[in-house]
ModelCIF file with pLDDT and N, C-alpha, C, O atoms, coordinates in Angstrom:
data_MODEL
#
_entry.id   MODEL 
#
_entity.id                         1 
_entity.type                       polymer 
_entity.pdbx_number_of_molecules   1 
#
_entity_poly.entity_id                      1 
_entity_poly.type                           'polypeptide(L)' 
_entity_poly.nstd_linkage                   no 
_entity_poly.nstd_monomer                   no 
_entity_poly.pdbx_seq_one_letter_code       
;(UNK)(UNK)(UNK)(UNK)(UNK)(UNK)(UNK)(UNK)(UNK)(UNK)(UNK)(UNK)(UNK)(UNK)(UNK)(UNK)
(UNK)(UNK)(UNK)(UNK)(UNK)(UNK)(UNK)(UNK)(UNK)(UNK)(UNK)(UNK)(UNK)(UNK)(UNK)(UNK)
(UNK)(UNK)(UNK)(UNK)(UNK)(UNK)(UNK)(UNK)(UNK)(UNK)(UNK)(UNK)(UNK)(UNK)(UNK)(UNK)
;
_entity_poly.pdbx_seq_one_letter_code_can   XXXXXXXXXXXXXXXXXXXXXXXXXXXXXXXXXXXXXXXXXXXXXXXX 
_entity_poly.pdbx_strand_id                 A 
#
loop_
_entity_poly_seq.entity_id 
_entity_poly_seq.num 
_entity_poly_seq.mon_id 
_entity_poly_seq.hetero 
1 1  UNK n 
1 2  UNK n 
1 3  UNK n 
1 4  UNK n 
1 5  UNK n 
1 6  UNK n 
1 7  UNK n 
1 8  UNK n 
1 9  UNK n 
1 10 UNK n 
1 11 UNK n 
1 12 UNK n 
1 13 UNK n 
1 14 UNK n 
1 15 UNK n 
1 16 UNK n 
1 17 UNK n 
1 18 UNK n 
1 19 UNK n 
1 20 UNK n 
1 21 UNK n 
1 22 UNK n 
1 23 UNK n 
1 24 UNK n 
1 25 UNK n 
1 26 UNK n 
1 27 UNK n 
1 28 UNK n 
1 29 UNK n 
1 30 UNK n 
1 31 UNK n 
1 32 UNK n 
1 33 UNK n 
1 34 UNK n 
1 35 UNK n 
1 36 UNK n 
1 37 UNK n 
1 38 UNK n 
1 39 UNK n 
1 40 UNK n 
1 41 UNK n 
1 42 UNK n 
1 43 UNK n 
1 44 UNK n 
1 45 UNK n 
1 46 UNK n 
1 47 UNK n 
1 48 UNK n 
#
_struct_asym.id          A 
_struct_asym.entity_id   1 
#
loop_
_ma_qa_metric.id 
_ma_qa_metric.mode 
_ma_qa_metric.name 
_ma_qa_metric.software_group_id 
_ma_qa_metric.type 
1 global pLDDT . pLDDT 
2 local  pLDDT . pLDDT 
#
_ma_qa_metric_global.metric_id      1 
_ma_qa_metric_global.metric_value   90.10 
_ma_qa_metric_global.model_id       1 
_ma_qa_metric_global.ordinal_id     1 
#
loop_
_ma_qa_metric_local.label_asym_id 
_ma_qa_metric_local.label_comp_id 
_ma_qa_metric_local.label_seq_id 
_ma_qa_metric_local.metric_id 
_ma_qa_metric_local.metric_value 
_ma_qa_metric_local.model_id 
_ma_qa_metric_local.ordinal_id 
A UNK 1  2 93.00 1 1  
A UNK 2  2 90.00 1 2  
A UNK 3  2 88.00 1 3  
A UNK 4  2 86.00 1 4  
A UNK 5  2 91.00 1 5  
A UNK 6  2 91.00 1 6  
A UNK 7  2 90.00 1 7  
A UNK 8  2 90.00 1 8  
A UNK 9  2 91.00 1 9  
A UNK 10 2 93.00 1 10 
A UNK 11 2 96.00 1 11 
A UNK 12 2 96.00 1 12 
A UNK 13 2 97.00 1 13 
A UNK 14 2 98.00 1 14 
A UNK 15 2 98.00 1 15 
A UNK 16 2 98.00 1 16 
A UNK 17 2 98.00 1 17 
A UNK 18 2 98.00 1 18 
A UNK 19 2 98.00 1 19 
A UNK 20 2 98.00 1 20 
A UNK 21 2 98.00 1 21 
A UNK 22 2 97.00 1 22 
A UNK 23 2 98.00 1 23 
A UNK 24 2 98.00 1 24 
A UNK 25 2 98.00 1 25 
A UNK 26 2 97.00 1 26 
A UNK 27 2 97.00 1 27 
A UNK 28 2 97.00 1 28 
A UNK 29 2 98.00 1 29 
A UNK 30 2 98.00 1 30 
A UNK 31 2 98.00 1 31 
A UNK 32 2 98.00 1 32 
A UNK 33 2 97.00 1 33 
A UNK 34 2 97.00 1 34 
A UNK 35 2 95.00 1 35 
A UNK 36 2 90.00 1 36 
A UNK 37 2 85.00 1 37 
A UNK 38 2 79.00 1 38 
A UNK 39 2 75.00 1 39 
A UNK 40 2 78.00 1 40 
A UNK 41 2 75.00 1 41 
A UNK 42 2 71.00 1 42 
A UNK 43 2 74.00 1 43 
A UNK 44 2 74.00 1 44 
A UNK 45 2 71.00 1 45 
A UNK 46 2 65.00 1 46 
A UNK 47 2 73.00 1 47 
A UNK 48 2 76.00 1 48 
#
loop_
_atom_site.group_PDB 
_atom_site.id 
_atom_site.type_symbol 
_atom_site.label_atom_id 
_atom_site.label_alt_id 
_atom_site.label_comp_id 
_atom_site.label_asym_id 
_atom_site.label_entity_id 
_atom_site.label_seq_id 
_atom_site.pdbx_PDB_ins_code 
_atom_site.Cartn_x 
_atom_site.Cartn_y 
_atom_site.Cartn_z 
_atom_site.occupancy 
_atom_site.B_iso_or_equiv 
_atom_site.pdbx_formal_charge 
_atom_site.auth_seq_id 
_atom_site.auth_comp_id 
_atom_site.auth_asym_id 
_atom_site.auth_atom_id 
_atom_site.pdbx_PDB_model_num 
ATOM 1   N N  . UNK A 1 1  ? 2.771  -1.171  4.169   1.00 93.00 ? 1  UNK A N  1 
ATOM 2   C CA . UNK A 1 1  ? 1.643  -2.522  5.370   1.00 93.00 ? 1  UNK A CA 1 
ATOM 3   C C  . UNK A 1 1  ? 2.639  -1.242  6.534   1.00 93.00 ? 1  UNK A C  1 
ATOM 4   O O  . UNK A 1 1  ? 3.397  -0.274  6.588   1.00 93.00 ? 1  UNK A O  1 
ATOM 5   N N  . UNK A 1 2  ? 1.958  -2.107  7.162   1.00 90.00 ? 2  UNK A N  1 
ATOM 6   C CA . UNK A 1 2  ? 2.831  -1.455  9.158   1.00 90.00 ? 2  UNK A CA 1 
ATOM 7   C C  . UNK A 1 2  ? 3.819  -2.607  9.679   1.00 90.00 ? 2  UNK A C  1 
ATOM 8   O O  . UNK A 1 2  ? 4.173  -2.745  10.849  1.00 90.00 ? 2  UNK A O  1 
ATOM 9   N N  . UNK A 1 3  ? 4.204  -3.423  8.571   1.00 88.00 ? 3  UNK A N  1 
ATOM 10  C CA . UNK A 1 3  ? 5.548  -3.550  9.407   1.00 88.00 ? 3  UNK A CA 1 
ATOM 11  C C  . UNK A 1 3  ? 6.480  -4.689  7.673   1.00 88.00 ? 3  UNK A C  1 
ATOM 12  O O  . UNK A 1 3  ? 6.412  -4.126  6.580   1.00 88.00 ? 3  UNK A O  1 
ATOM 13  N N  . UNK A 1 4  ? 7.039  -5.800  7.726   1.00 86.00 ? 4  UNK A N  1 
ATOM 14  C CA . UNK A 1 4  ? 8.474  -6.522  7.404   1.00 86.00 ? 4  UNK A CA 1 
ATOM 15  C C  . UNK A 1 4  ? 7.072  -7.849  6.613   1.00 86.00 ? 4  UNK A C  1 
ATOM 16  O O  . UNK A 1 4  ? 6.516  -8.207  5.575   1.00 86.00 ? 4  UNK A O  1 
ATOM 17  N N  . UNK A 1 5  ? 7.160  -8.039  7.836   1.00 91.00 ? 5  UNK A N  1 
ATOM 18  C CA . UNK A 1 5  ? 6.026  -9.897  8.075   1.00 91.00 ? 5  UNK A CA 1 
ATOM 19  C C  . UNK A 1 5  ? 4.925  -9.637  8.497   1.00 91.00 ? 5  UNK A C  1 
ATOM 20  O O  . UNK A 1 5  ? 4.567  -9.104  9.547   1.00 91.00 ? 5  UNK A O  1 
ATOM 21  N N  . UNK A 1 6  ? 4.067  -10.250 7.165   1.00 91.00 ? 6  UNK A N  1 
ATOM 22  C CA . UNK A 1 6  ? 3.619  -11.003 6.810   1.00 91.00 ? 6  UNK A CA 1 
ATOM 23  C C  . UNK A 1 6  ? 2.773  -11.282 7.564   1.00 91.00 ? 6  UNK A C  1 
ATOM 24  O O  . UNK A 1 6  ? 1.662  -10.784 7.381   1.00 91.00 ? 6  UNK A O  1 
ATOM 25  N N  . UNK A 1 7  ? 2.968  -12.077 8.554   1.00 90.00 ? 7  UNK A N  1 
ATOM 26  C CA . UNK A 1 7  ? 2.657  -12.933 9.884   1.00 90.00 ? 7  UNK A CA 1 
ATOM 27  C C  . UNK A 1 7  ? 1.557  -12.280 10.244  1.00 90.00 ? 7  UNK A C  1 
ATOM 28  O O  . UNK A 1 7  ? 0.372  -12.612 10.229  1.00 90.00 ? 7  UNK A O  1 
ATOM 29  N N  . UNK A 1 8  ? 2.494  -10.617 10.800  1.00 90.00 ? 8  UNK A N  1 
ATOM 30  C CA . UNK A 1 8  ? 2.609  -10.038 11.573  1.00 90.00 ? 8  UNK A CA 1 
ATOM 31  C C  . UNK A 1 8  ? 2.203  -8.929  11.565  1.00 90.00 ? 8  UNK A C  1 
ATOM 32  O O  . UNK A 1 8  ? 2.418  -8.252  12.570  1.00 90.00 ? 8  UNK A O  1 
ATOM 33  N N  . UNK A 1 9  ? 1.520  -8.374  10.509  1.00 91.00 ? 9  UNK A N  1 
ATOM 34  C CA . UNK A 1 9  ? 1.906  -7.175  10.363  1.00 91.00 ? 9  UNK A CA 1 
ATOM 35  C C  . UNK A 1 9  ? 1.043  -7.110  9.636   1.00 91.00 ? 9  UNK A C  1 
ATOM 36  O O  . UNK A 1 9  ? 0.676  -8.280  9.519   1.00 91.00 ? 9  UNK A O  1 
ATOM 37  N N  . UNK A 1 10 ? -0.142 -5.939  8.464   1.00 93.00 ? 10 UNK A N  1 
ATOM 38  C CA . UNK A 1 10 ? -0.828 -5.686  7.953   1.00 93.00 ? 10 UNK A CA 1 
ATOM 39  C C  . UNK A 1 10 ? -0.725 -4.346  6.765   1.00 93.00 ? 10 UNK A C  1 
ATOM 40  O O  . UNK A 1 10 ? -0.012 -3.357  6.936   1.00 93.00 ? 10 UNK A O  1 
ATOM 41  N N  . UNK A 1 11 ? -1.773 -4.626  5.324   1.00 96.00 ? 11 UNK A N  1 
ATOM 42  C CA . UNK A 1 11 ? -1.153 -3.774  4.615   1.00 96.00 ? 11 UNK A CA 1 
ATOM 43  C C  . UNK A 1 11 ? -2.341 -2.844  5.217   1.00 96.00 ? 11 UNK A C  1 
ATOM 44  O O  . UNK A 1 11 ? -3.334 -3.099  5.899   1.00 96.00 ? 11 UNK A O  1 
ATOM 45  N N  . UNK A 1 12 ? -1.724 -1.480  4.585   1.00 96.00 ? 12 UNK A N  1 
ATOM 46  C CA . UNK A 1 12 ? -2.897 -0.498  4.884   1.00 96.00 ? 12 UNK A CA 1 
ATOM 47  C C  . UNK A 1 12 ? -2.651 0.597   3.984   1.00 96.00 ? 12 UNK A C  1 
ATOM 48  O O  . UNK A 1 12 ? -2.866 1.738   4.393   1.00 96.00 ? 12 UNK A O  1 
ATOM 49  N N  . UNK A 1 13 ? -1.997 0.301   2.165   1.00 97.00 ? 13 UNK A N  1 
ATOM 50  C CA . UNK A 1 13 ? -2.081 1.251   1.103   1.00 97.00 ? 13 UNK A CA 1 
ATOM 51  C C  . UNK A 1 13 ? -1.796 0.036   0.225   1.00 97.00 ? 13 UNK A C  1 
ATOM 52  O O  . UNK A 1 13 ? -1.241 -1.031  0.488   1.00 97.00 ? 13 UNK A O  1 
ATOM 53  N N  . UNK A 1 14 ? -2.573 0.716   -1.376  1.00 98.00 ? 14 UNK A N  1 
ATOM 54  C CA . UNK A 1 14 ? -1.891 -0.512  -2.021  1.00 98.00 ? 14 UNK A CA 1 
ATOM 55  C C  . UNK A 1 14 ? -2.292 0.423   -3.444  1.00 98.00 ? 14 UNK A C  1 
ATOM 56  O O  . UNK A 1 14 ? -3.458 0.688   -3.737  1.00 98.00 ? 14 UNK A O  1 
ATOM 57  N N  . UNK A 1 15 ? -0.851 0.955   -4.428  1.00 98.00 ? 15 UNK A N  1 
ATOM 58  C CA . UNK A 1 15 ? -1.563 1.464   -5.574  1.00 98.00 ? 15 UNK A CA 1 
ATOM 59  C C  . UNK A 1 15 ? -1.174 0.495   -6.342  1.00 98.00 ? 15 UNK A C  1 
ATOM 60  O O  . UNK A 1 15 ? -0.297 -0.365  -6.255  1.00 98.00 ? 15 UNK A O  1 
ATOM 61  N N  . UNK A 1 16 ? -2.553 0.971   -7.680  1.00 98.00 ? 16 UNK A N  1 
ATOM 62  C CA . UNK A 1 16 ? -1.450 0.205   -9.052  1.00 98.00 ? 16 UNK A CA 1 
ATOM 63  C C  . UNK A 1 16 ? -1.401 1.050   -10.206 1.00 98.00 ? 16 UNK A C  1 
ATOM 64  O O  . UNK A 1 16 ? -1.841 2.150   -10.540 1.00 98.00 ? 16 UNK A O  1 
ATOM 65  N N  . UNK A 1 17 ? -0.736 0.172   -10.670 1.00 98.00 ? 17 UNK A N  1 
ATOM 66  C CA . UNK A 1 17 ? -0.779 1.376   -11.918 1.00 98.00 ? 17 UNK A CA 1 
ATOM 67  C C  . UNK A 1 17 ? -0.533 0.342   -13.800 1.00 98.00 ? 17 UNK A C  1 
ATOM 68  O O  . UNK A 1 17 ? 0.520  -0.225  -14.090 1.00 98.00 ? 17 UNK A O  1 
ATOM 69  N N  . UNK A 1 18 ? -1.859 0.383   -14.789 1.00 98.00 ? 18 UNK A N  1 
ATOM 70  C CA . UNK A 1 18 ? -1.422 -0.392  -16.000 1.00 98.00 ? 18 UNK A CA 1 
ATOM 71  C C  . UNK A 1 18 ? -0.020 -0.179  -16.563 1.00 98.00 ? 18 UNK A C  1 
ATOM 72  O O  . UNK A 1 18 ? 0.602  0.779   -16.102 1.00 98.00 ? 18 UNK A O  1 
ATOM 73  N N  . UNK A 1 19 ? 0.740  -1.156  -17.768 1.00 98.00 ? 19 UNK A N  1 
ATOM 74  C CA . UNK A 1 19 ? 1.409  -0.015  -18.125 1.00 98.00 ? 19 UNK A CA 1 
ATOM 75  C C  . UNK A 1 19 ? 2.315  -1.332  -18.860 1.00 98.00 ? 19 UNK A C  1 
ATOM 76  O O  . UNK A 1 19 ? 2.275  -2.442  -18.329 1.00 98.00 ? 19 UNK A O  1 
ATOM 77  N N  . UNK A 1 20 ? 3.103  -1.105  -20.085 1.00 98.00 ? 20 UNK A N  1 
ATOM 78  C CA . UNK A 1 20 ? 3.391  -1.847  -20.947 1.00 98.00 ? 20 UNK A CA 1 
ATOM 79  C C  . UNK A 1 20 ? 4.945  -1.241  -21.407 1.00 98.00 ? 20 UNK A C  1 
ATOM 80  O O  . UNK A 1 20 ? 5.647  -0.485  -20.736 1.00 98.00 ? 20 UNK A O  1 
ATOM 81  N N  . UNK A 1 21 ? 5.208  -1.736  -22.577 1.00 98.00 ? 21 UNK A N  1 
ATOM 82  C CA . UNK A 1 21 ? 7.147  -1.007  -22.332 1.00 98.00 ? 21 UNK A CA 1 
ATOM 83  C C  . UNK A 1 21 ? 6.622  0.215   -23.542 1.00 98.00 ? 21 UNK A C  1 
ATOM 84  O O  . UNK A 1 21 ? 7.369  1.029   -24.085 1.00 98.00 ? 21 UNK A O  1 
ATOM 85  N N  . UNK A 1 22 ? 5.203  0.073   -23.756 1.00 97.00 ? 22 UNK A N  1 
ATOM 86  C CA . UNK A 1 22 ? 5.429  1.679   -24.372 1.00 97.00 ? 22 UNK A CA 1 
ATOM 87  C C  . UNK A 1 22 ? 4.745  2.680   -23.904 1.00 97.00 ? 22 UNK A C  1 
ATOM 88  O O  . UNK A 1 22 ? 4.828  3.804   -24.398 1.00 97.00 ? 22 UNK A O  1 
ATOM 89  N N  . UNK A 1 23 ? 3.691  2.274   -22.499 1.00 98.00 ? 23 UNK A N  1 
ATOM 90  C CA . UNK A 1 23 ? 3.346  3.392   -22.021 1.00 98.00 ? 23 UNK A CA 1 
ATOM 91  C C  . UNK A 1 23 ? 3.210  2.991   -20.896 1.00 98.00 ? 23 UNK A C  1 
ATOM 92  O O  . UNK A 1 23 ? 3.196  1.782   -20.665 1.00 98.00 ? 23 UNK A O  1 
ATOM 93  N N  . UNK A 1 24 ? 3.063  4.006   -19.837 1.00 98.00 ? 24 UNK A N  1 
ATOM 94  C CA . UNK A 1 24 ? 1.877  4.131   -18.802 1.00 98.00 ? 24 UNK A CA 1 
ATOM 95  C C  . UNK A 1 24 ? 0.753  4.624   -18.856 1.00 98.00 ? 24 UNK A C  1 
ATOM 96  O O  . UNK A 1 24 ? 0.602  5.665   -19.495 1.00 98.00 ? 24 UNK A O  1 
ATOM 97  N N  . UNK A 1 25 ? -0.734 3.785   -17.963 1.00 98.00 ? 25 UNK A N  1 
ATOM 98  C CA . UNK A 1 25 ? -1.839 4.041   -18.965 1.00 98.00 ? 25 UNK A CA 1 
ATOM 99  C C  . UNK A 1 25 ? -2.113 4.633   -16.769 1.00 98.00 ? 25 UNK A C  1 
ATOM 100 O O  . UNK A 1 25 ? -2.352 3.752   -15.943 1.00 98.00 ? 25 UNK A O  1 
ATOM 101 N N  . UNK A 1 26 ? -1.995 6.148   -16.339 1.00 97.00 ? 26 UNK A N  1 
ATOM 102 C CA . UNK A 1 26 ? -1.544 6.785   -15.302 1.00 97.00 ? 26 UNK A CA 1 
ATOM 103 C C  . UNK A 1 26 ? -3.484 6.747   -15.466 1.00 97.00 ? 26 UNK A C  1 
ATOM 104 O O  . UNK A 1 26 ? -4.104 6.239   -14.532 1.00 97.00 ? 26 UNK A O  1 
ATOM 105 N N  . UNK A 1 27 ? -4.177 7.241   -16.537 1.00 97.00 ? 27 UNK A N  1 
ATOM 106 C CA . UNK A 1 27 ? -5.659 6.893   -16.695 1.00 97.00 ? 27 UNK A CA 1 
ATOM 107 C C  . UNK A 1 27 ? -6.450 5.960   -16.267 1.00 97.00 ? 27 UNK A C  1 
ATOM 108 O O  . UNK A 1 27 ? -7.672 5.879   -16.385 1.00 97.00 ? 27 UNK A O  1 
ATOM 109 N N  . UNK A 1 28 ? -5.345 4.906   -15.517 1.00 97.00 ? 28 UNK A N  1 
ATOM 110 C CA . UNK A 1 28 ? -5.605 3.493   -15.417 1.00 97.00 ? 28 UNK A CA 1 
ATOM 111 C C  . UNK A 1 28 ? -5.457 3.038   -13.600 1.00 97.00 ? 28 UNK A C  1 
ATOM 112 O O  . UNK A 1 28 ? -5.554 2.043   -12.882 1.00 97.00 ? 28 UNK A O  1 
ATOM 113 N N  . UNK A 1 29 ? -5.150 4.573   -13.498 1.00 98.00 ? 29 UNK A N  1 
ATOM 114 C CA . UNK A 1 29 ? -4.095 4.133   -11.452 1.00 98.00 ? 29 UNK A CA 1 
ATOM 115 C C  . UNK A 1 29 ? -4.924 3.515   -11.400 1.00 98.00 ? 29 UNK A C  1 
ATOM 116 O O  . UNK A 1 29 ? -5.757 3.164   -12.236 1.00 98.00 ? 29 UNK A O  1 
ATOM 117 N N  . UNK A 1 30 ? -4.687 3.181   -9.731  1.00 98.00 ? 30 UNK A N  1 
ATOM 118 C CA . UNK A 1 30 ? -5.675 3.298   -8.781  1.00 98.00 ? 30 UNK A CA 1 
ATOM 119 C C  . UNK A 1 30 ? -5.206 3.441   -7.094  1.00 98.00 ? 30 UNK A C  1 
ATOM 120 O O  . UNK A 1 30 ? -4.230 2.765   -6.771  1.00 98.00 ? 30 UNK A O  1 
ATOM 121 N N  . UNK A 1 31 ? -5.836 4.252   -6.066  1.00 98.00 ? 31 UNK A N  1 
ATOM 122 C CA . UNK A 1 31 ? -4.926 3.937   -5.116  1.00 98.00 ? 31 UNK A CA 1 
ATOM 123 C C  . UNK A 1 31 ? -6.197 3.832   -3.840  1.00 98.00 ? 31 UNK A C  1 
ATOM 124 O O  . UNK A 1 31 ? -7.192 4.551   -3.748  1.00 98.00 ? 31 UNK A O  1 
ATOM 125 N N  . UNK A 1 32 ? -5.679 2.412   -2.701  1.00 98.00 ? 32 UNK A N  1 
ATOM 126 C CA . UNK A 1 32 ? -6.592 2.776   -1.995  1.00 98.00 ? 32 UNK A CA 1 
ATOM 127 C C  . UNK A 1 32 ? -6.201 2.757   -0.625  1.00 98.00 ? 32 UNK A C  1 
ATOM 128 O O  . UNK A 1 32 ? -5.003 3.035   -0.675  1.00 98.00 ? 32 UNK A O  1 
ATOM 129 N N  . UNK A 1 33 ? -6.403 2.650   0.149   1.00 97.00 ? 33 UNK A N  1 
ATOM 130 C CA . UNK A 1 33 ? -6.351 2.890   2.216   1.00 97.00 ? 33 UNK A CA 1 
ATOM 131 C C  . UNK A 1 33 ? -7.014 2.282   2.203   1.00 97.00 ? 33 UNK A C  1 
ATOM 132 O O  . UNK A 1 33 ? -8.040 2.387   1.531   1.00 97.00 ? 33 UNK A O  1 
ATOM 133 N N  . UNK A 1 34 ? -6.669 1.175   3.096   1.00 97.00 ? 34 UNK A N  1 
ATOM 134 C CA . UNK A 1 34 ? -7.854 -0.137  3.500   1.00 97.00 ? 34 UNK A CA 1 
ATOM 135 C C  . UNK A 1 34 ? -7.361 -0.161  5.205   1.00 97.00 ? 34 UNK A C  1 
ATOM 136 O O  . UNK A 1 34 ? -6.294 0.354   5.541   1.00 97.00 ? 34 UNK A O  1 
ATOM 137 N N  . UNK A 1 35 ? -7.962 -0.592  5.853   1.00 95.00 ? 35 UNK A N  1 
ATOM 138 C CA . UNK A 1 35 ? -8.588 -0.627  7.131   1.00 95.00 ? 35 UNK A CA 1 
ATOM 139 C C  . UNK A 1 35 ? -7.592 -2.036  7.561   1.00 95.00 ? 35 UNK A C  1 
ATOM 140 O O  . UNK A 1 35 ? -8.030 -3.169  7.364   1.00 95.00 ? 35 UNK A O  1 
ATOM 141 N N  . UNK A 1 36 ? -6.203 -1.799  8.172   1.00 90.00 ? 36 UNK A N  1 
ATOM 142 C CA . UNK A 1 36 ? -5.627 -3.484  8.691   1.00 90.00 ? 36 UNK A CA 1 
ATOM 143 C C  . UNK A 1 36 ? -6.399 -3.125  10.198  1.00 90.00 ? 36 UNK A C  1 
ATOM 144 O O  . UNK A 1 36 ? -6.725 -2.128  10.842  1.00 90.00 ? 36 UNK A O  1 
ATOM 145 N N  . UNK A 1 37 ? -6.469 -4.804  10.323  1.00 85.00 ? 37 UNK A N  1 
ATOM 146 C CA . UNK A 1 37 ? -7.022 -5.673  11.855  1.00 85.00 ? 37 UNK A CA 1 
ATOM 147 C C  . UNK A 1 37 ? -6.922 -5.054  13.351  1.00 85.00 ? 37 UNK A C  1 
ATOM 148 O O  . UNK A 1 37 ? -7.688 -5.042  14.314  1.00 85.00 ? 37 UNK A O  1 
ATOM 149 N N  . UNK A 1 38 ? -4.930 -4.277  12.966  1.00 79.00 ? 38 UNK A N  1 
ATOM 150 C CA . UNK A 1 38 ? -4.553 -3.796  14.343  1.00 79.00 ? 38 UNK A CA 1 
ATOM 151 C C  . UNK A 1 38 ? -4.564 -2.547  13.803  1.00 79.00 ? 38 UNK A C  1 
ATOM 152 O O  . UNK A 1 38 ? -4.531 -2.160  12.635  1.00 79.00 ? 38 UNK A O  1 
ATOM 153 N N  . UNK A 1 39 ? -4.641 -1.737  15.306  1.00 75.00 ? 39 UNK A N  1 
ATOM 154 C CA . UNK A 1 39 ? -4.241 -0.284  15.251  1.00 75.00 ? 39 UNK A CA 1 
ATOM 155 C C  . UNK A 1 39 ? -2.464 0.090   15.075  1.00 75.00 ? 39 UNK A C  1 
ATOM 156 O O  . UNK A 1 39 ? -1.438 -0.344  15.598  1.00 75.00 ? 39 UNK A O  1 
ATOM 157 N N  . UNK A 1 40 ? -2.771 1.078   14.097  1.00 78.00 ? 40 UNK A N  1 
ATOM 158 C CA . UNK A 1 40 ? -1.335 1.352   13.188  1.00 78.00 ? 40 UNK A CA 1 
ATOM 159 C C  . UNK A 1 40 ? -0.515 1.313   14.787  1.00 78.00 ? 40 UNK A C  1 
ATOM 160 O O  . UNK A 1 40 ? -1.285 1.201   15.741  1.00 78.00 ? 40 UNK A O  1 
ATOM 161 N N  . UNK A 1 41 ? 1.048  1.404   15.123  1.00 75.00 ? 41 UNK A N  1 
ATOM 162 C CA . UNK A 1 41 ? 2.076  1.537   16.020  1.00 75.00 ? 41 UNK A CA 1 
ATOM 163 C C  . UNK A 1 41 ? 2.510  3.645   15.190  1.00 75.00 ? 41 UNK A C  1 
ATOM 164 O O  . UNK A 1 41 ? 1.967  4.241   14.259  1.00 75.00 ? 41 UNK A O  1 
ATOM 165 N N  . UNK A 1 42 ? 3.475  4.004   15.982  1.00 71.00 ? 42 UNK A N  1 
ATOM 166 C CA . UNK A 1 42 ? 3.665  5.617   15.745  1.00 71.00 ? 42 UNK A CA 1 
ATOM 167 C C  . UNK A 1 42 ? 4.453  4.601   14.645  1.00 71.00 ? 42 UNK A C  1 
ATOM 168 O O  . UNK A 1 42 ? 3.801  4.551   13.602  1.00 71.00 ? 42 UNK A O  1 
ATOM 169 N N  . UNK A 1 43 ? 5.482  3.912   14.606  1.00 74.00 ? 43 UNK A N  1 
ATOM 170 C CA . UNK A 1 43 ? 6.866  3.877   14.379  1.00 74.00 ? 43 UNK A CA 1 
ATOM 171 C C  . UNK A 1 43 ? 6.061  4.453   12.378  1.00 74.00 ? 43 UNK A C  1 
ATOM 172 O O  . UNK A 1 43 ? 6.092  5.366   11.553  1.00 74.00 ? 43 UNK A O  1 
ATOM 173 N N  . UNK A 1 44 ? 5.343  2.792   12.692  1.00 74.00 ? 44 UNK A N  1 
ATOM 174 C CA . UNK A 1 44 ? 4.200  3.245   11.349  1.00 74.00 ? 44 UNK A CA 1 
ATOM 175 C C  . UNK A 1 44 ? 3.826  3.678   10.536  1.00 74.00 ? 44 UNK A C  1 
ATOM 176 O O  . UNK A 1 44 ? 3.843  3.235   9.388   1.00 74.00 ? 44 UNK A O  1 
ATOM 177 N N  . UNK A 1 45 ? 3.326  4.796   10.967  1.00 71.00 ? 45 UNK A N  1 
ATOM 178 C CA . UNK A 1 45 ? 2.588  5.979   10.945  1.00 71.00 ? 45 UNK A CA 1 
ATOM 179 C C  . UNK A 1 45 ? 3.243  6.719   10.207  1.00 71.00 ? 45 UNK A C  1 
ATOM 180 O O  . UNK A 1 45 ? 2.937  6.969   9.042   1.00 71.00 ? 45 UNK A O  1 
ATOM 181 N N  . UNK A 1 46 ? 4.388  7.228   10.905  1.00 65.00 ? 46 UNK A N  1 
ATOM 182 C CA . UNK A 1 46 ? 6.555  7.820   10.723  1.00 65.00 ? 46 UNK A CA 1 
ATOM 183 C C  . UNK A 1 46 ? 6.571  7.481   9.227   1.00 65.00 ? 46 UNK A C  1 
ATOM 184 O O  . UNK A 1 46 ? 6.658  8.298   8.311   1.00 65.00 ? 46 UNK A O  1 
ATOM 185 N N  . UNK A 1 47 ? 6.466  6.053   9.113   1.00 73.00 ? 47 UNK A N  1 
ATOM 186 C CA . UNK A 1 47 ? 7.257  5.911   7.544   1.00 73.00 ? 47 UNK A CA 1 
ATOM 187 C C  . UNK A 1 47 ? 6.090  5.943   6.846   1.00 73.00 ? 47 UNK A C  1 
ATOM 188 O O  . UNK A 1 47 ? 6.619  5.909   5.735   1.00 73.00 ? 47 UNK A O  1 
ATOM 189 N N  . UNK A 1 48 ? 4.763  5.987   6.574   1.00 76.00 ? 48 UNK A N  1 
ATOM 190 C CA . UNK A 1 48 ? 4.450  5.744   5.406   1.00 76.00 ? 48 UNK A CA 1 
ATOM 191 C C  . UNK A 1 48 ? 3.320  7.023   5.218   1.00 76.00 ? 48 UNK A C  1 
ATOM 192 O O  . UNK A 1 48 ? 2.728  7.172   4.149   1.00 76.00 ? 48 UNK A O  1 
#
């Protein structure tokens, strides 16, 4: 995310990995970069 406050900041990427206690299903993993409603700050880019 672009910061830690959900009221002021936004999501920039999401990763999901299905699994259970016996197996991690890496073949079903998904990853997305998404466009936030406001421009990224330089601090945000440095972090993620």
